[in-house]
Amino acid sequence: MDIGQRIRQLRIKNDLTQEELASRCELTKGFLSQLENGIATPSLPALMDIVEALGTDMSTFFREEKETKVCFDKEDFFVDERYGYTVTWVVPNAQKNSMEPIIVDLAPGASSMIMYPHEGEEFCYVIRGKITLVDGDREYVVHKGNTFYINGDNEHFLRNDSGHSAQVLWICTPPLF
């Protein structure tokens, strides 16, 4: 761990200047600058003062943060083939996030899973073909390149009434798929 870099990161996060942090720790701004740039090393008591002034404790300060995976490729996807349609989860373990994106491929004449009324919202972008959104007692035809955005108040699903396959990016918040 780069202690100086960690001090700088927390100082900036706490919206403190080097001068303000140095003053709180009874250190000089020059010494704090040397710490942040890896030129000097703090004594244990000085480090404890800095960590306390940054509003944390030694355990939290030295805890290595796990790097969150940001980009995913096909090897990360999970594919579930169902009767007439396929669901591809494009973000692994998205159920722990605020939203959950999936790609749904609908065969001609097929329908997606039924989404029962829920708290939250859904967005869908038609990548290929056209689909019919059945939202309660209303139906909407959505063509390639178009979208829909609904709340989850009604039972709803997608249907492919055409003779060609359709593909959609469907995003739900909170995760329900």
C-alpha atoms as a PDB file:
ATOM      1  CA  MET A   1       0.000   0.000   0.000  1.00  0.00           C
ATOM      2  CA  ASP A   2       1.188   3.502  -0.824  1.00  0.00           C
ATOM      3  CA  ILE A   3       0.534   5.301   2.467  1.00  0.00           C
ATOM      4  CA  GLY A   4       1.103   8.753   0.985  1.00  0.00           C
ATOM      5  CA  GLN A   5      -1.319   8.099  -1.853  1.00  0.00           C
ATOM      6  CA  ARG A   6      -3.919   6.844   0.616  1.00  0.00           C
ATOM      7  CA  ILE A   7      -3.490   9.978   2.760  1.00  0.00           C
ATOM      8  CA  ARG A   8      -3.926  12.181  -0.333  1.00  0.00           C
ATOM      9  CA  GLN A   9      -7.008  10.213  -1.425  1.00  0.00           C
ATOM     10  CA  LEU A  10      -8.718  10.580   1.964  1.00  0.00           C
ATOM     11  CA  ARG A  11      -7.654  14.235   2.329  1.00  0.00           C
ATOM     12  CA  ILE A  12      -9.237  15.107  -1.010  1.00  0.00           C
ATOM     13  CA  LYS A  13     -12.317  13.018  -0.213  1.00  0.00           C
ATOM     14  CA  ASN A  14     -12.695  15.030   3.007  1.00  0.00           C
ATOM     15  CA  ASP A  15     -12.264  18.279   1.068  1.00  0.00           C
ATOM     16  CA  LEU A  16      -9.179  19.319   3.040  1.00  0.00           C
ATOM     17  CA  THR A  17      -6.143  21.207   1.796  1.00  0.00           C
ATOM     18  CA  GLN A  18      -2.691  20.006   2.791  1.00  0.00           C
ATOM     19  CA  GLU A  19      -2.420  23.043   5.025  1.00  0.00           C
ATOM     20  CA  GLU A  20      -5.702  22.254   6.811  1.00  0.00           C
ATOM     21  CA  LEU A  21      -4.768  18.616   7.401  1.00  0.00           C
ATOM     22  CA  ALA A  22      -1.253  19.523   8.526  1.00  0.00           C
ATOM     23  CA  SER A  23      -2.666  22.041  11.008  1.00  0.00           C
ATOM     24  CA  ARG A  24      -5.073  19.462  12.465  1.00  0.00           C
ATOM     25  CA  CYS A  25      -2.172  17.036  12.979  1.00  0.00           C
ATOM     26  CA  GLU A  26       0.357  19.619  14.195  1.00  0.00           C
ATOM     27  CA  LEU A  27       2.605  18.851  11.207  1.00  0.00           C
ATOM     28  CA  THR A  28       4.032  21.143   8.577  1.00  0.00           C
ATOM     29  CA  LYS A  29       2.461  21.444   5.155  1.00  0.00           C
ATOM     30  CA  GLY A  30       5.878  20.606   3.666  1.00  0.00           C
ATOM     31  CA  PHE A  31       6.138  17.340   5.612  1.00  0.00           C
ATOM     32  CA  LEU A  32       2.585  16.359   4.627  1.00  0.00           C
ATOM     33  CA  SER A  33       3.464  17.079   0.994  1.00  0.00           C
ATOM     34  CA  GLN A  34       6.539  14.842   1.304  1.00  0.00           C
ATOM     35  CA  LEU A  35       4.364  12.076   2.803  1.00  0.00           C
ATOM     36  CA  GLU A  36       1.853  12.288  -0.041  1.00  0.00           C
ATOM     37  CA  ASN A  37       4.622  12.214  -2.625  1.00  0.00           C
ATOM     38  CA  GLY A  38       6.390   9.220  -1.060  1.00  0.00           C
ATOM     39  CA  ILE A  39       9.500  11.198  -0.082  1.00  0.00           C
ATOM     40  CA  ALA A  40       9.011  10.841   3.676  1.00  0.00           C
ATOM     41  CA  THR A  41       7.573   8.175   5.956  1.00  0.00           C
ATOM     42  CA  PRO A  42       5.500   9.103   9.013  1.00  0.00           C
ATOM     43  CA  SER A  43       6.186   7.837  12.494  1.00  0.00           C
ATOM     44  CA  LEU A  44       3.439   5.655  13.930  1.00  0.00           C
ATOM     45  CA  PRO A  45       2.147   8.422  16.245  1.00  0.00           C
ATOM     46  CA  ALA A  46       2.116  10.924  13.333  1.00  0.00           C
ATOM     47  CA  LEU A  47       0.270   8.441  11.109  1.00  0.00           C
ATOM     48  CA  MET A  48      -2.275   7.791  13.859  1.00  0.00           C
ATOM     49  CA  ASP A  49      -2.870  11.561  14.176  1.00  0.00           C
ATOM     50  CA  ILE A  50      -3.298  11.914  10.391  1.00  0.00           C
ATOM     51  CA  VAL A  51      -5.687   8.970  10.190  1.00  0.00           C
ATOM     52  CA  GLU A  52      -7.770  10.340  13.065  1.00  0.00           C
ATOM     53  CA  ALA A  53      -7.852  13.814  11.460  1.00  0.00           C
ATOM     54  CA  LEU A  54      -9.091  12.157   8.255  1.00  0.00           C
ATOM     55  CA  GLY A  55     -12.053  10.756  10.202  1.00  0.00           C
ATOM     56  CA  THR A  56     -11.134   7.094  10.079  1.00  0.00           C
ATOM     57  CA  ASP A  57      -9.203   4.488  12.074  1.00  0.00           C
ATOM     58  CA  MET A  58      -6.053   2.497  11.365  1.00  0.00           C
ATOM     59  CA  SER A  59      -7.957  -0.669  10.478  1.00  0.00           C
ATOM     60  CA  THR A  60     -10.081   1.105   7.877  1.00  0.00           C
ATOM     61  CA  PHE A  61      -7.110   3.115   6.597  1.00  0.00           C
ATOM     62  CA  PHE A  62      -5.116  -0.048   5.815  1.00  0.00           C
ATOM     63  CA  ARG A  63      -8.036  -2.094   4.514  1.00  0.00           C
ATOM     64  CA  GLU A  64      -7.409  -2.916   0.880  1.00  0.00           C
ATOM     65  CA  GLU A  65     -10.407  -1.948  -1.207  1.00  0.00           C
ATOM     66  CA  LYS A  66     -11.435  -4.607  -3.672  1.00  0.00           C
ATOM     67  CA  GLU A  67     -11.471  -3.282  -7.174  1.00  0.00           C
ATOM     68  CA  THR A  68     -14.953  -3.513  -8.578  1.00  0.00           C
ATOM     69  CA  LYS A  69     -15.175  -5.059 -11.998  1.00  0.00           C
ATOM     70  CA  VAL A  70     -16.475  -2.489 -14.448  1.00  0.00           C
ATOM     71  CA  CYS A  71     -16.275  -4.125 -17.874  1.00  0.00           C
ATOM     72  CA  PHE A  72     -17.675  -7.525 -18.807  1.00  0.00           C
ATOM     73  CA  ASP A  73     -17.338  -9.725 -21.862  1.00  0.00           C
ATOM     74  CA  LYS A  74     -19.166 -12.771 -23.189  1.00  0.00           C
ATOM     75  CA  GLU A  75     -17.256 -15.115 -20.862  1.00  0.00           C
ATOM     76  CA  ASP A  76     -18.881 -13.290 -17.917  1.00  0.00           C
ATOM     77  CA  PHE A  77     -22.438 -13.560 -19.275  1.00  0.00           C
ATOM     78  CA  PHE A  78     -24.926 -16.142 -18.067  1.00  0.00           C
ATOM     79  CA  VAL A  79     -27.337 -17.506 -20.689  1.00  0.00           C
ATOM     80  CA  ASP A  80     -30.627 -19.173 -19.823  1.00  0.00           C
ATOM     81  CA  GLU A  81     -32.445 -20.758 -22.758  1.00  0.00           C
ATOM     82  CA  ARG A  82     -36.156 -21.095 -22.168  1.00  0.00           C
ATOM     83  CA  TYR A  83     -39.043 -22.142 -24.364  1.00  0.00           C
ATOM     84  CA  GLY A  84     -39.238 -19.580 -27.179  1.00  0.00           C
ATOM     85  CA  TYR A  85     -36.831 -17.101 -25.680  1.00  0.00           C
ATOM     86  CA  THR A  86     -33.342 -16.742 -24.278  1.00  0.00           C
ATOM     87  CA  VAL A  87     -32.289 -14.501 -21.390  1.00  0.00           C
ATOM     88  CA  THR A  88     -28.684 -13.328 -21.206  1.00  0.00           C
ATOM     89  CA  TRP A  89     -27.542 -11.702 -17.979  1.00  0.00           C
ATOM     90  CA  VAL A  90     -24.861  -9.284 -19.180  1.00  0.00           C
ATOM     91  CA  VAL A  91     -23.683  -8.133 -15.741  1.00  0.00           C
ATOM     92  CA  PRO A  92     -22.806 -10.976 -13.351  1.00  0.00           C
ATOM     93  CA  ASN A  93     -24.464 -10.793  -9.938  1.00  0.00           C
ATOM     94  CA  ALA A  94     -26.420  -7.675 -10.934  1.00  0.00           C
ATOM     95  CA  GLN A  95     -29.094  -8.555  -8.385  1.00  0.00           C
ATOM     96  CA  LYS A  96     -26.861  -6.868  -5.787  1.00  0.00           C
ATOM     97  CA  ASN A  97     -26.927  -3.617  -7.788  1.00  0.00           C
ATOM     98  CA  SER A  98     -29.631  -0.985  -8.169  1.00  0.00           C
ATOM     99  CA  MET A  99     -30.531  -2.093 -11.688  1.00  0.00           C
ATOM    100  CA  GLU A 100     -30.302  -5.304 -13.659  1.00  0.00           C
ATOM    101  CA  PRO A 101     -29.745  -5.354 -17.422  1.00  0.00           C
ATOM    102  CA  ILE A 102     -30.528  -8.425 -19.513  1.00  0.00           C
ATOM    103  CA  ILE A 103     -30.760  -9.187 -23.208  1.00  0.00           C
ATOM    104  CA  VAL A 104     -33.851 -11.113 -24.272  1.00  0.00           C
ATOM    105  CA  ASP A 105     -33.982 -12.920 -27.620  1.00  0.00           C
ATOM    106  CA  LEU A 106     -37.538 -13.761 -28.642  1.00  0.00           C
ATOM    107  CA  ALA A 107     -38.291 -16.320 -31.342  1.00  0.00           C
ATOM    108  CA  PRO A 108     -41.139 -15.554 -33.758  1.00  0.00           C
ATOM    109  CA  GLY A 109     -44.465 -15.960 -31.935  1.00  0.00           C
ATOM    110  CA  ALA A 110     -42.819 -16.292 -28.497  1.00  0.00           C
ATOM    111  CA  SER A 111     -43.460 -14.354 -25.290  1.00  0.00           C
ATOM    112  CA  SER A 112     -41.075 -13.427 -22.500  1.00  0.00           C
ATOM    113  CA  MET A 113     -41.471 -14.215 -18.849  1.00  0.00           C
ATOM    114  CA  ILE A 114     -44.348 -12.449 -17.107  1.00  0.00           C
ATOM    115  CA  MET A 115     -43.284  -9.635 -14.816  1.00  0.00           C
ATOM    116  CA  TYR A 116     -45.696  -9.334 -11.906  1.00  0.00           C
ATOM    117  CA  PRO A 117     -46.506  -5.951 -10.351  1.00  0.00           C
ATOM    118  CA  HIS A 118     -43.548  -4.605  -8.422  1.00  0.00           C
ATOM    119  CA  GLU A 119     -42.069  -1.422  -7.045  1.00  0.00           C
ATOM    120  CA  GLY A 120     -39.624   0.024  -9.526  1.00  0.00           C
ATOM    121  CA  GLU A 121     -39.176   0.872 -13.170  1.00  0.00           C
ATOM    122  CA  GLU A 122     -38.158  -0.796 -16.403  1.00  0.00           C
ATOM    123  CA  PHE A 123     -36.492   0.383 -19.577  1.00  0.00           C
ATOM    124  CA  CYS A 124     -36.260  -1.565 -22.817  1.00  0.00           C
ATOM    125  CA  TYR A 125     -34.390  -0.867 -26.070  1.00  0.00           C
ATOM    126  CA  VAL A 126     -35.262  -2.949 -29.140  1.00  0.00           C
ATOM    127  CA  ILE A 127     -31.995  -4.029 -30.741  1.00  0.00           C
ATOM    128  CA  ARG A 128     -33.491  -6.180 -33.506  1.00  0.00           C
ATOM    129  CA  GLY A 129     -36.979  -6.803 -34.869  1.00  0.00           C
ATOM    130  CA  LYS A 130     -40.106  -5.523 -33.171  1.00  0.00           C
ATOM    131  CA  ILE A 131     -41.940  -6.543 -30.042  1.00  0.00           C
ATOM    132  CA  THR A 132     -45.292  -5.941 -28.439  1.00  0.00           C
ATOM    133  CA  LEU A 133     -45.234  -4.724 -24.854  1.00  0.00           C
ATOM    134  CA  VAL A 134     -48.288  -6.072 -23.042  1.00  0.00           C
ATOM    135  CA  ASP A 135     -48.707  -3.828 -19.991  1.00  0.00           C
ATOM    136  CA  GLY A 136     -51.847  -4.726 -18.087  1.00  0.00           C
ATOM    137  CA  ASP A 137     -54.704  -4.338 -20.589  1.00  0.00           C
ATOM    138  CA  ARG A 138     -52.675  -2.128 -22.966  1.00  0.00           C
ATOM    139  CA  GLU A 139     -50.461  -3.200 -25.841  1.00  0.00           C
ATOM    140  CA  TYR A 140     -47.696  -1.193 -27.505  1.00  0.00           C
ATOM    141  CA  VAL A 141     -45.721  -2.153 -30.609  1.00  0.00           C
ATOM    142  CA  VAL A 142     -42.064  -1.156 -30.241  1.00  0.00           C
ATOM    143  CA  HIS A 143     -39.811  -1.286 -33.319  1.00  0.00           C
ATOM    144  CA  LYS A 144     -36.046  -1.685 -33.723  1.00  0.00           C
ATOM    145  CA  GLY A 145     -34.221   1.365 -32.388  1.00  0.00           C
ATOM    146  CA  ASN A 146     -37.124   2.444 -30.184  1.00  0.00           C
ATOM    147  CA  THR A 147     -37.595   2.171 -26.432  1.00  0.00           C
ATOM    148  CA  PHE A 148     -40.167   1.932 -23.703  1.00  0.00           C
ATOM    149  CA  TYR A 149     -40.020   3.065 -20.102  1.00  0.00           C
ATOM    150  CA  ILE A 150     -42.638   1.896 -17.592  1.00  0.00           C
ATOM    151  CA  ASN A 151     -43.186   1.560 -13.877  1.00  0.00           C
ATOM    152  CA  GLY A 152     -43.929  -1.888 -12.498  1.00  0.00           C
ATOM    153  CA  ASP A 153     -47.527  -1.242 -11.465  1.00  0.00           C
ATOM    154  CA  ASN A 154     -49.051  -3.782 -13.874  1.00  0.00           C
ATOM    155  CA  GLU A 155     -48.395  -7.367 -14.852  1.00  0.00           C
ATOM    156  CA  HIS A 156     -46.475  -7.133 -18.135  1.00  0.00           C
ATOM    157  CA  PHE A 157     -44.425  -9.084 -20.654  1.00  0.00           C
ATOM    158  CA  LEU A 158     -43.012  -8.902 -24.174  1.00  0.00           C
ATOM    159  CA  ARG A 159     -44.423 -10.747 -27.150  1.00  0.00           C
ATOM    160  CA  ASN A 160     -42.974 -11.236 -30.633  1.00  0.00           C
ATOM    161  CA  ASP A 161     -45.891 -11.215 -33.057  1.00  0.00           C
ATOM    162  CA  SER A 162     -43.665 -11.044 -36.135  1.00  0.00           C
ATOM    163  CA  GLY A 163     -42.227 -13.809 -38.269  1.00  0.00           C
ATOM    164  CA  HIS A 164     -38.655 -12.755 -37.396  1.00  0.00           C
ATOM    165  CA  SER A 165     -36.596 -13.006 -34.222  1.00  0.00           C
ATOM    166  CA  ALA A 166     -36.403  -9.983 -31.942  1.00  0.00           C
ATOM    167  CA  GLN A 167     -33.777  -8.903 -29.442  1.00  0.00           C
ATOM    168  CA  VAL A 168     -34.107  -6.356 -26.642  1.00  0.00           C
ATOM    169  CA  LEU A 169     -31.971  -4.853 -23.914  1.00  0.00           C
ATOM    170  CA  TRP A 170     -34.222  -4.849 -20.840  1.00  0.00           C
ATOM    171  CA  ILE A 171     -33.217  -3.055 -17.658  1.00  0.00           C
ATOM    172  CA  CYS A 172     -35.126  -3.336 -14.406  1.00  0.00           C
ATOM    173  CA  THR A 173     -34.761  -1.445 -11.156  1.00  0.00           C
ATOM    174  CA  PRO A 174     -34.724  -2.927  -8.627  1.00  0.00           C
ATOM    175  CA  PRO A 175     -33.365  -6.211  -9.996  1.00  0.00           C
ATOM    176  CA  LEU A 176     -36.128  -8.754 -10.576  1.00  0.00           C
ATOM    177  CA  PHE A 177     -34.934 -11.037 -13.333  1.00  0.00           C
END
